[in-house]
Protein backbone atom coordinates (compact mmCIF):
# COMPACT_ATOMS: atom_id res chain seq x y z
CA MET A 1 -183.32 6.69 -281.85
CA SER A 2 -180.62 6.93 -279.20
CA ILE A 3 -179.41 3.36 -279.65
CA GLU A 4 -178.20 1.87 -282.93
CA ILE A 5 -179.92 -1.20 -284.36
CA GLU A 6 -177.87 -3.83 -286.17
CA ILE A 7 -179.62 -6.88 -287.61
CA CYS A 8 -177.75 -10.07 -288.41
CA CYS A 9 -179.01 -11.25 -291.80
CA PHE A 10 -178.39 -14.46 -293.70
CA SER A 11 -180.48 -13.68 -296.80
CA LEU A 12 -181.76 -10.90 -299.00
CA GLY A 13 -185.22 -11.38 -297.49
CA SER A 14 -183.94 -10.71 -293.99
CA ALA A 15 -181.90 -7.73 -295.22
CA LEU A 16 -185.07 -6.25 -296.72
CA VAL A 17 -186.72 -6.51 -293.30
CA ALA A 18 -183.80 -4.55 -291.85
CA HIS A 19 -184.33 -1.98 -294.59
CA GLU A 20 -188.07 -1.74 -293.87
CA ILE A 21 -187.64 -1.06 -290.16
CA LYS A 22 -184.87 1.45 -290.92
CA ALA A 23 -182.14 -0.41 -289.04
CA ASN A 24 -178.83 1.43 -288.82
CA ARG A 25 -176.79 -1.50 -289.97
CA VAL A 26 -176.85 -5.07 -291.31
CA GLU A 27 -174.30 -7.71 -290.43
CA LEU A 28 -174.43 -9.90 -293.53
CA CYS A 29 -173.47 -13.54 -293.03
CA GLY A 30 -173.65 -17.02 -294.48
CA GLY A 31 -173.67 -20.21 -292.46
CA PHE A 32 -176.45 -19.81 -289.92
CA LEU A 33 -175.69 -23.11 -288.18
CA GLU A 34 -172.01 -22.18 -287.85
CA GLY A 35 -172.86 -18.88 -286.16
CA GLY A 36 -172.02 -16.85 -289.26
CA THR A 37 -169.48 -17.30 -292.05
CA THR A 38 -168.44 -15.25 -295.09
CA PRO A 39 -171.54 -14.85 -297.31
CA SER A 40 -171.53 -15.43 -301.06
CA TYR A 41 -170.36 -12.70 -303.42
CA GLY A 42 -173.78 -12.69 -305.12
CA LEU A 43 -175.64 -12.18 -301.84
CA ILE A 44 -173.37 -9.30 -300.85
CA LYS A 45 -173.80 -7.64 -304.24
CA ILE A 46 -177.58 -7.80 -304.36
CA VAL A 47 -178.01 -6.71 -300.73
CA LEU A 48 -175.80 -3.67 -301.32
CA GLU A 49 -177.89 -2.81 -304.36
CA LYS A 50 -181.26 -3.08 -302.64
CA ILE A 51 -181.05 -1.78 -299.07
CA ARG A 52 -180.25 1.53 -297.40
CA PRO A 53 -178.76 0.49 -294.02
CA ASP A 54 -175.00 0.14 -293.76
CA VAL A 55 -173.84 -3.37 -294.63
CA PHE A 56 -170.97 -4.92 -292.69
CA VAL A 57 -169.82 -8.22 -294.17
CA MET A 58 -168.73 -11.16 -292.03
CA ILE A 59 -165.25 -12.48 -292.77
CA ARG A 60 -165.03 -16.00 -291.36
CA PRO A 61 -163.83 -18.86 -293.57
CA ARG A 62 -165.54 -21.60 -291.52
CA GLY A 63 -167.42 -22.38 -288.33
CA GLY A 64 -165.75 -23.66 -285.20
CA ASP A 65 -162.99 -21.86 -283.34
CA PHE A 66 -161.38 -18.52 -284.20
CA CYS A 67 -157.80 -19.74 -284.56
CA TYR A 68 -156.95 -19.81 -288.25
CA SER A 69 -154.42 -21.75 -290.30
CA ALA A 70 -152.18 -20.31 -293.01
CA THR A 71 -154.49 -21.56 -295.77
CA GLU A 72 -157.55 -20.11 -294.03
CA ILE A 73 -155.80 -16.75 -293.68
CA GLU A 74 -154.99 -16.82 -297.37
CA THR A 75 -158.65 -17.51 -298.09
CA LEU A 76 -160.01 -14.73 -295.89
CA GLN A 77 -157.54 -12.25 -297.37
CA GLU A 78 -158.79 -13.08 -300.87
CA ASP A 79 -162.41 -12.77 -299.68
CA ILE A 80 -161.72 -9.30 -298.32
CA MET A 81 -160.04 -8.16 -301.53
CA CYS A 82 -162.94 -9.41 -303.67
CA ILE A 83 -165.63 -7.95 -301.42
CA LYS A 84 -163.90 -4.55 -301.26
CA SER A 85 -164.64 -4.13 -304.95
CA LEU A 86 -168.35 -3.97 -304.01
CA SER A 87 -167.76 -1.12 -301.51
CA PRO A 88 -169.51 -2.44 -298.41
CA SER A 89 -169.81 -0.23 -295.35
CA GLY A 90 -167.35 -2.37 -293.43
CA PHE A 91 -166.32 -5.83 -292.31
CA VAL A 92 -166.75 -8.07 -289.26
CA PHE A 93 -163.86 -10.23 -288.04
CA GLY A 94 -162.24 -11.72 -284.98
CA ALA A 95 -159.33 -14.06 -284.28
CA LEU A 96 -157.83 -15.71 -281.21
CA LYS A 97 -154.58 -17.46 -280.41
CA PRO A 98 -154.67 -21.06 -279.12
CA ASN A 99 -154.15 -19.72 -275.57
CA GLY A 100 -157.33 -17.62 -275.72
CA GLU A 101 -155.63 -14.27 -276.28
CA ILE A 102 -156.49 -11.91 -279.15
CA ASP A 103 -154.47 -12.65 -282.28
CA THR A 104 -153.41 -9.05 -282.65
CA GLU A 105 -151.00 -9.79 -285.49
CA LEU A 106 -153.68 -11.31 -287.72
CA CYS A 107 -156.25 -8.70 -286.67
CA ALA A 108 -153.86 -5.90 -287.65
CA LYS A 109 -153.37 -7.54 -291.05
CA VAL A 110 -157.11 -7.84 -291.59
CA ILE A 111 -157.68 -4.20 -290.70
CA GLY A 112 -154.95 -3.29 -293.18
CA TRP A 113 -156.46 -5.45 -295.91
CA ALA A 114 -159.94 -4.05 -295.23
CA ALA A 115 -158.84 -0.39 -295.29
CA PRO A 116 -160.35 2.12 -295.82
CA PHE A 117 -163.42 0.24 -294.57
CA PRO A 118 -163.92 -0.07 -290.77
CA VAL A 119 -163.98 -3.43 -289.00
CA THR A 120 -166.09 -4.75 -286.10
CA PHE A 121 -164.60 -7.38 -283.77
CA HIS A 122 -167.24 -10.09 -283.43
CA ARG A 123 -168.17 -12.49 -280.63
CA ALA A 124 -164.81 -14.22 -280.67
CA PHE A 125 -164.41 -11.68 -277.87
CA ASP A 126 -166.75 -13.78 -275.73
CA GLN A 127 -164.34 -16.71 -275.92
CA CYS A 128 -161.15 -14.78 -275.11
CA LYS A 129 -159.28 -15.29 -271.85
CA HIS A 130 -158.99 -11.81 -270.32
CA SER A 131 -161.73 -9.39 -271.35
CA LYS A 132 -160.12 -6.19 -270.05
CA GLU A 133 -156.77 -6.84 -271.70
CA ALA A 134 -158.51 -8.02 -274.85
CA LEU A 135 -160.58 -4.84 -275.06
CA GLU A 136 -157.45 -2.69 -274.86
CA GLN A 137 -155.78 -4.77 -277.57
CA ILE A 138 -158.82 -4.49 -279.84
CA ILE A 139 -158.84 -0.73 -279.37
CA ASP A 140 -155.10 -0.46 -280.04
CA VAL A 141 -155.32 -2.55 -283.21
CA GLY A 142 -157.99 -0.21 -284.60
CA PHE A 143 -161.40 -1.91 -284.53
CA GLU A 144 -164.47 0.37 -284.64
CA ARG A 145 -166.72 -1.68 -282.33
CA VAL A 146 -166.97 -4.92 -280.39
CA LEU A 147 -169.95 -7.27 -280.57
CA THR A 148 -170.33 -9.08 -277.25
CA SER A 149 -172.79 -10.75 -274.91
CA GLY A 150 -170.60 -9.79 -271.95
CA GLN A 151 -168.82 -13.16 -272.10
CA GLU A 152 -172.00 -15.02 -271.16
CA ASN A 153 -174.40 -17.09 -273.24
CA ASN A 154 -176.74 -14.12 -273.72
CA VAL A 155 -176.97 -10.41 -272.98
CA SER A 156 -179.31 -10.85 -270.01
CA GLU A 157 -176.78 -13.04 -268.22
CA GLY A 158 -173.93 -10.79 -269.30
CA LEU A 159 -175.57 -7.43 -268.48
CA ASN A 160 -173.26 -6.55 -265.58
CA ASN A 161 -170.19 -7.36 -267.65
CA LEU A 162 -171.57 -5.32 -270.54
CA LYS A 163 -171.93 -2.33 -268.23
CA LYS A 164 -168.31 -2.71 -267.08
CA LEU A 165 -167.00 -3.09 -270.61
CA ASN A 166 -168.98 -0.04 -271.72
CA GLN A 167 -167.45 2.03 -268.91
CA LEU A 168 -163.94 0.80 -269.76
CA ALA A 169 -164.42 1.56 -273.44
CA GLY A 170 -165.63 5.11 -272.92
CA ASN A 171 -165.63 6.90 -276.25
CA ARG A 172 -162.71 4.90 -277.61
CA ILE A 173 -164.75 2.09 -279.15
CA GLN A 174 -168.42 1.13 -279.36
CA ILE A 175 -169.64 -1.81 -277.26
CA MET A 176 -172.52 -3.48 -279.12
CA ALA A 177 -174.66 -5.95 -277.16
CA GLY A 178 -175.65 -9.10 -279.00
CA ALA A 179 -176.96 -12.65 -278.36
CA GLY A 180 -180.49 -12.98 -277.07
CA VAL A 181 -181.55 -9.36 -277.62
CA ASN A 182 -185.35 -9.18 -277.72
CA ALA A 183 -188.28 -6.85 -277.11
CA GLU A 184 -188.27 -7.69 -273.40
CA ASN A 185 -184.63 -6.87 -272.59
CA VAL A 186 -183.70 -4.21 -275.13
CA LEU A 187 -184.82 -1.33 -272.91
CA GLU A 188 -182.66 -2.63 -270.09
CA LEU A 189 -179.68 -2.59 -272.43
CA ALA A 190 -180.45 0.96 -273.48
CA LYS A 191 -180.82 2.09 -269.86
CA ALA A 192 -177.46 0.45 -269.09
CA GLY A 193 -175.82 2.90 -271.49
CA LEU A 194 -175.19 0.58 -274.42
CA LYS A 195 -175.14 2.54 -277.67
CA ALA A 196 -175.87 -0.35 -280.03
CA VAL A 197 -177.70 -3.69 -280.05
CA HIS A 198 -177.39 -6.61 -282.46
CA PHE A 199 -180.04 -9.26 -283.08
CA THR A 200 -181.37 -11.69 -285.66
CA GLY A 201 -185.04 -11.52 -284.70
CA LYS A 202 -185.32 -14.97 -286.20
CA GLU A 203 -188.52 -16.88 -286.82
CA TRP A 204 -188.86 -20.33 -288.32
CA GLU A 205 -190.32 -20.48 -291.85
CA ASN A 206 -191.73 -23.82 -292.93
CA SER A 207 -190.75 -25.25 -296.26
CA SER A 208 -193.11 -24.94 -299.25
CA MET A 209 -192.26 -28.51 -300.30
CA MET A 210 -195.26 -30.80 -300.60
CA TYR A 211 -193.17 -33.87 -301.31
CA THR A 212 -190.65 -34.89 -298.66
CA SER A 213 -187.95 -37.53 -298.72
CA LYS A 214 -186.67 -39.69 -295.87
CA VAL A 215 -183.14 -38.41 -296.59
CA SER A 216 -181.98 -35.69 -294.17
CA MET A 217 -179.77 -32.84 -295.38
CA GLN A 218 -179.26 -30.95 -292.11
CA ALA A 219 -178.28 -31.46 -288.52
CA ASP A 220 -181.02 -32.43 -286.07
CA VAL A 221 -180.80 -29.16 -284.12
CA LEU A 222 -183.40 -27.50 -286.35
CA PRO A 223 -187.18 -27.73 -285.95
CA ASP A 224 -187.35 -29.73 -289.17
CA ASP A 225 -185.18 -30.65 -292.13
CA LEU A 226 -186.63 -28.41 -294.82
CA GLY A 227 -187.53 -25.05 -293.28
CA ARG A 228 -185.22 -22.20 -292.39
CA TYR A 229 -184.84 -19.23 -290.09
CA GLU A 230 -185.46 -15.70 -291.40
CA THR A 231 -185.66 -12.31 -289.68
CA SER A 232 -189.18 -11.65 -288.47
CA LEU A 233 -190.60 -8.23 -289.33
CA LYS A 234 -192.91 -8.53 -286.32
CA LYS A 235 -190.10 -9.28 -283.86
CA ALA A 236 -187.82 -6.60 -285.29
CA ASN A 237 -190.62 -4.03 -285.15
CA GLU A 238 -191.37 -4.88 -281.52
CA ILE A 239 -187.78 -4.13 -280.55
CA VAL A 240 -187.70 -0.86 -282.47
CA GLN A 241 -191.08 0.26 -281.13
CA ASN A 242 -190.04 -0.44 -277.54
CA LEU A 243 -186.92 1.63 -278.01
CA SER A 244 -188.83 4.45 -279.72
CA SER A 245 -191.46 4.63 -276.98
CA SER A 246 -188.76 4.84 -274.31
CA THR A 247 -187.18 7.88 -275.95
CA GLN A 248 -190.52 9.68 -276.02
CA THR A 249 -191.25 9.32 -272.31
């Protein structure tokens, strides 16, 4: 396959789907509703034991913005040191200053703490002020790739910007398209020259609970209070099959 597949996974079940479809890489996260946070040590350990794709672990101490306090930096440093003992394939991180610029000082520290494992700069890039300058800074600091929607809400809206970023990056860093990647638009991304795509392929799974309480445990943005999102084997396979068929024609 000429384009790399990375699947964002929030559970062992989803990671096993990534394994089954022979994805190149898993971005392993906790905190689905927060857009991805540092997953638990136990989840990282068991995923690394059970799947073949590379596993890049999200380092993000909380949801919200990407500007971190001294105590949060202390926490993420400790997370990195603990997770390194499990020998993941790499890490995923991003940080911004209050003015919207890349926090190059913190990013350089994180890359140093993560060494010798490579680091991907995540979609904090899509909230930075100046994309061209930010890309150069990310390259200079030493990140391996950038996950981005082209600074739009999804990759379809950001396609033109993704093309420009990919041209600017050249062979210096990989531009990985993510946010809204699906079976319908993945070929367009491949034709645009992107070398990697990132998706969750999520599908809602209803709860097995027969008894339900009136007490809510989650925000009202979900289809219901008890189910959850997991990676869909069907959706992931559709994306891979579309890519495979395009390389054979």
